[in-house]
Amino acid sequence: QVRLVESGGGLVQAGGSLRLSCAASGSAVTTNVMAWYRQAPGKQRELVARIDPGGSINYADSVKGRFTISRSSAENTVYLQMNNLTPTDTAVYYCKTFYWGREHWGQGTQVTVSS
């Protein structure tokens, strides 16, 4: 049973930083594609960053240079370091993997950036 548990969201001021964590069980973060998505109120869910088993990384243009995706095999956890946050980053952030023929999503964690 694949389970993704997120943590690290919260309320920060513009210019601040947060690190999101997604702890996986039932699958290995190093052998599956892992991704972070976000969804702001009234908007479609969008891809923020992804990392594949070979270590290749892709970012949305809007977060390049500010966000960093990484993973720890020892902790079986994927991270999203978010720096220089702006109010436009306010959204619910989700982690996702594709394993055993299915998509698996975390529960989402709220990130709110105040002006």
C-alpha atoms as a PDB file:
ATOM      1  CA  GLN A   1       0.000   0.000   0.000  1.00  0.00           C
ATOM      2  CA  VAL A   2       1.545   3.273  -1.149  1.00  0.00           C
ATOM      3  CA  ARG A   3       1.203   6.166   1.236  1.00  0.00           C
ATOM      4  CA  LEU A   4       2.605   9.690   0.955  1.00  0.00           C
ATOM      5  CA  VAL A   5       2.545  11.877   4.045  1.00  0.00           C
ATOM      6  CA  GLU A   6       3.355  15.560   3.668  1.00  0.00           C
ATOM      7  CA  SER A   7       4.473  18.083   6.238  1.00  0.00           C
ATOM      8  CA  GLY A   8       6.106  21.496   6.450  1.00  0.00           C
ATOM      9  CA  GLY A   9       3.398  23.809   5.188  1.00  0.00           C
ATOM     10  CA  GLY A  10       2.389  26.928   7.031  1.00  0.00           C
ATOM     11  CA  LEU A  11       2.108  30.702   6.985  1.00  0.00           C
ATOM     12  CA  VAL A  12       5.143  32.789   6.045  1.00  0.00           C
ATOM     13  CA  GLN A  13       5.829  36.363   5.024  1.00  0.00           C
ATOM     14  CA  ALA A  14       6.903  37.282   1.518  1.00  0.00           C
ATOM     15  CA  GLY A  15      10.611  36.675   1.090  1.00  0.00           C
ATOM     16  CA  GLY A  16      10.629  33.826   3.577  1.00  0.00           C
ATOM     17  CA  SER A  17      11.379  30.143   3.130  1.00  0.00           C
ATOM     18  CA  LEU A  18       9.760  26.794   3.816  1.00  0.00           C
ATOM     19  CA  ARG A  19      10.816  23.196   3.319  1.00  0.00           C
ATOM     20  CA  LEU A  20       8.119  20.675   2.491  1.00  0.00           C
ATOM     21  CA  SER A  21       8.607  16.973   3.157  1.00  0.00           C
ATOM     22  CA  CYS A  22       6.853  13.950   1.683  1.00  0.00           C
ATOM     23  CA  ALA A  23       7.557  10.691   3.480  1.00  0.00           C
ATOM     24  CA  ALA A  24       6.764   7.611   1.405  1.00  0.00           C
ATOM     25  CA  SER A  25       5.856   4.097   2.453  1.00  0.00           C
ATOM     26  CA  GLY A  26       5.090   1.133   0.232  1.00  0.00           C
ATOM     27  CA  SER A  27       7.358   2.455  -2.534  1.00  0.00           C
ATOM     28  CA  ALA A  28      10.876   3.830  -2.848  1.00  0.00           C
ATOM     29  CA  VAL A  29      11.455   7.445  -3.812  1.00  0.00           C
ATOM     30  CA  THR A  30      14.649   6.483  -5.649  1.00  0.00           C
ATOM     31  CA  THR A  31      13.015   3.972  -8.015  1.00  0.00           C
ATOM     32  CA  ASN A  32       9.893   5.936  -8.979  1.00  0.00           C
ATOM     33  CA  VAL A  33       9.138   9.326 -10.441  1.00  0.00           C
ATOM     34  CA  MET A  34       8.315  11.785  -7.664  1.00  0.00           C
ATOM     35  CA  ALA A  35       6.720  15.157  -8.227  1.00  0.00           C
ATOM     36  CA  TRP A  36       5.356  18.189  -6.448  1.00  0.00           C
ATOM     37  CA  TYR A  37       2.187  19.902  -7.651  1.00  0.00           C
ATOM     38  CA  ARG A  38       0.279  22.874  -6.323  1.00  0.00           C
ATOM     39  CA  GLN A  39      -3.245  24.202  -6.643  1.00  0.00           C
ATOM     40  CA  ALA A  40      -4.261  27.743  -5.794  1.00  0.00           C
ATOM     41  CA  PRO A  41      -7.894  28.685  -5.117  1.00  0.00           C
ATOM     42  CA  GLY A  42      -9.889  28.830  -8.341  1.00  0.00           C
ATOM     43  CA  LYS A  43      -6.985  27.577 -10.443  1.00  0.00           C
ATOM     44  CA  GLN A  44      -5.967  24.264 -11.984  1.00  0.00           C
ATOM     45  CA  ARG A  45      -3.412  22.035 -10.368  1.00  0.00           C
ATOM     46  CA  GLU A  46       0.027  22.632 -11.850  1.00  0.00           C
ATOM     47  CA  LEU A  47       3.318  20.776 -11.848  1.00  0.00           C
ATOM     48  CA  VAL A  48       5.970  22.475  -9.738  1.00  0.00           C
ATOM     49  CA  ALA A  49       8.912  20.062  -9.867  1.00  0.00           C
ATOM     50  CA  ARG A  50       9.700  16.430 -10.578  1.00  0.00           C
ATOM     51  CA  ILE A  51      12.619  14.066 -10.166  1.00  0.00           C
ATOM     52  CA  ASP A  52      12.976  10.717 -11.933  1.00  0.00           C
ATOM     53  CA  PRO A  53      14.818   7.552 -10.826  1.00  0.00           C
ATOM     54  CA  GLY A  54      17.934   8.635 -12.726  1.00  0.00           C
ATOM     55  CA  GLY A  55      18.020  11.954 -10.904  1.00  0.00           C
ATOM     56  CA  SER A  56      16.827  14.157 -13.765  1.00  0.00           C
ATOM     57  CA  ILE A  57      14.928  17.196 -12.480  1.00  0.00           C
ATOM     58  CA  ASN A  58      12.399  19.522 -14.074  1.00  0.00           C
ATOM     59  CA  TYR A  59      10.950  22.755 -12.672  1.00  0.00           C
ATOM     60  CA  ALA A  60       8.126  25.026 -13.656  1.00  0.00           C
ATOM     61  CA  ASP A  61       9.480  28.283 -15.052  1.00  0.00           C
ATOM     62  CA  SER A  62       7.786  30.225 -12.274  1.00  0.00           C
ATOM     63  CA  VAL A  63       9.864  28.538  -9.555  1.00  0.00           C
ATOM     64  CA  LYS A  64      13.251  28.095 -11.239  1.00  0.00           C
ATOM     65  CA  GLY A  65      16.014  29.532  -9.124  1.00  0.00           C
ATOM     66  CA  ARG A  66      13.814  29.634  -6.014  1.00  0.00           C
ATOM     67  CA  PHE A  67      12.645  26.048  -5.411  1.00  0.00           C
ATOM     68  CA  THR A  68      14.733  22.894  -5.130  1.00  0.00           C
ATOM     69  CA  ILE A  69      13.487  19.310  -5.204  1.00  0.00           C
ATOM     70  CA  SER A  70      15.591  16.624  -3.561  1.00  0.00           C
ATOM     71  CA  ARG A  71      15.264  13.180  -2.048  1.00  0.00           C
ATOM     72  CA  SER A  72      16.743  11.057   0.705  1.00  0.00           C
ATOM     73  CA  SER A  73      16.967   7.318   0.128  1.00  0.00           C
ATOM     74  CA  ALA A  74      17.804   6.713   3.790  1.00  0.00           C
ATOM     75  CA  GLU A  75      14.617   8.451   4.934  1.00  0.00           C
ATOM     76  CA  ASN A  76      12.575   7.548   1.825  1.00  0.00           C
ATOM     77  CA  THR A  77      11.493  11.160   1.682  1.00  0.00           C
ATOM     78  CA  VAL A  78      11.197  13.797  -1.039  1.00  0.00           C
ATOM     79  CA  TYR A  79      11.731  17.453  -0.175  1.00  0.00           C
ATOM     80  CA  LEU A  80      10.829  20.772  -1.720  1.00  0.00           C
ATOM     81  CA  GLN A  81      12.907  23.689  -0.496  1.00  0.00           C
ATOM     82  CA  MET A  82      11.114  26.951  -1.253  1.00  0.00           C
ATOM     83  CA  ASN A  83      13.013  30.238  -0.985  1.00  0.00           C
ATOM     84  CA  ASN A  84      12.103  33.862  -1.654  1.00  0.00           C
ATOM     85  CA  LEU A  85       8.413  33.073  -1.455  1.00  0.00           C
ATOM     86  CA  THR A  86       5.826  35.443  -2.886  1.00  0.00           C
ATOM     87  CA  PRO A  87       2.047  35.620  -2.434  1.00  0.00           C
ATOM     88  CA  THR A  88       1.623  33.951  -5.837  1.00  0.00           C
ATOM     89  CA  ASP A  89       3.128  30.803  -4.319  1.00  0.00           C
ATOM     90  CA  THR A  90       0.127  30.478  -2.005  1.00  0.00           C
ATOM     91  CA  ALA A  91      -1.494  27.112  -2.730  1.00  0.00           C
ATOM     92  CA  VAL A  92      -2.068  23.607  -1.483  1.00  0.00           C
ATOM     93  CA  TYR A  93       1.029  21.594  -2.332  1.00  0.00           C
ATOM     94  CA  TYR A  94       0.788  17.881  -3.164  1.00  0.00           C
ATOM     95  CA  CYS A  95       3.381  15.199  -3.748  1.00  0.00           C
ATOM     96  CA  LYS A  96       2.737  12.456  -6.281  1.00  0.00           C
ATOM     97  CA  THR A  97       4.236   9.220  -7.508  1.00  0.00           C
ATOM     98  CA  PHE A  98       3.286   6.651 -10.141  1.00  0.00           C
ATOM     99  CA  TYR A  99       3.693   3.109  -8.955  1.00  0.00           C
ATOM    100  CA  TRP A 100       2.190  -0.287  -9.764  1.00  0.00           C
ATOM    101  CA  GLY A 101       0.150   1.222 -12.594  1.00  0.00           C
ATOM    102  CA  ARG A 102      -1.505   3.935 -10.514  1.00  0.00           C
ATOM    103  CA  GLU A 103      -1.068   7.515  -9.442  1.00  0.00           C
ATOM    104  CA  HIS A 104      -0.642   8.045  -5.726  1.00  0.00           C
ATOM    105  CA  TRP A 105      -1.103  11.428  -4.079  1.00  0.00           C
ATOM    106  CA  GLY A 106      -0.339  12.877  -0.720  1.00  0.00           C
ATOM    107  CA  GLN A 107      -3.024  14.611   1.289  1.00  0.00           C
ATOM    108  CA  GLY A 108      -1.725  18.090   0.500  1.00  0.00           C
ATOM    109  CA  THR A 109      -0.244  20.749   2.736  1.00  0.00           C
ATOM    110  CA  GLN A 110      -1.269  24.408   2.762  1.00  0.00           C
ATOM    111  CA  VAL A 111       1.312  27.089   2.048  1.00  0.00           C
ATOM    112  CA  THR A 112       0.209  30.676   2.615  1.00  0.00           C
ATOM    113  CA  VAL A 113       2.495  33.607   1.845  1.00  0.00           C
ATOM    114  CA  SER A 114       1.427  36.979   3.211  1.00  0.00           C
ATOM    115  CA  SER A 115       2.199  40.312   1.575  1.00  0.00           C
END
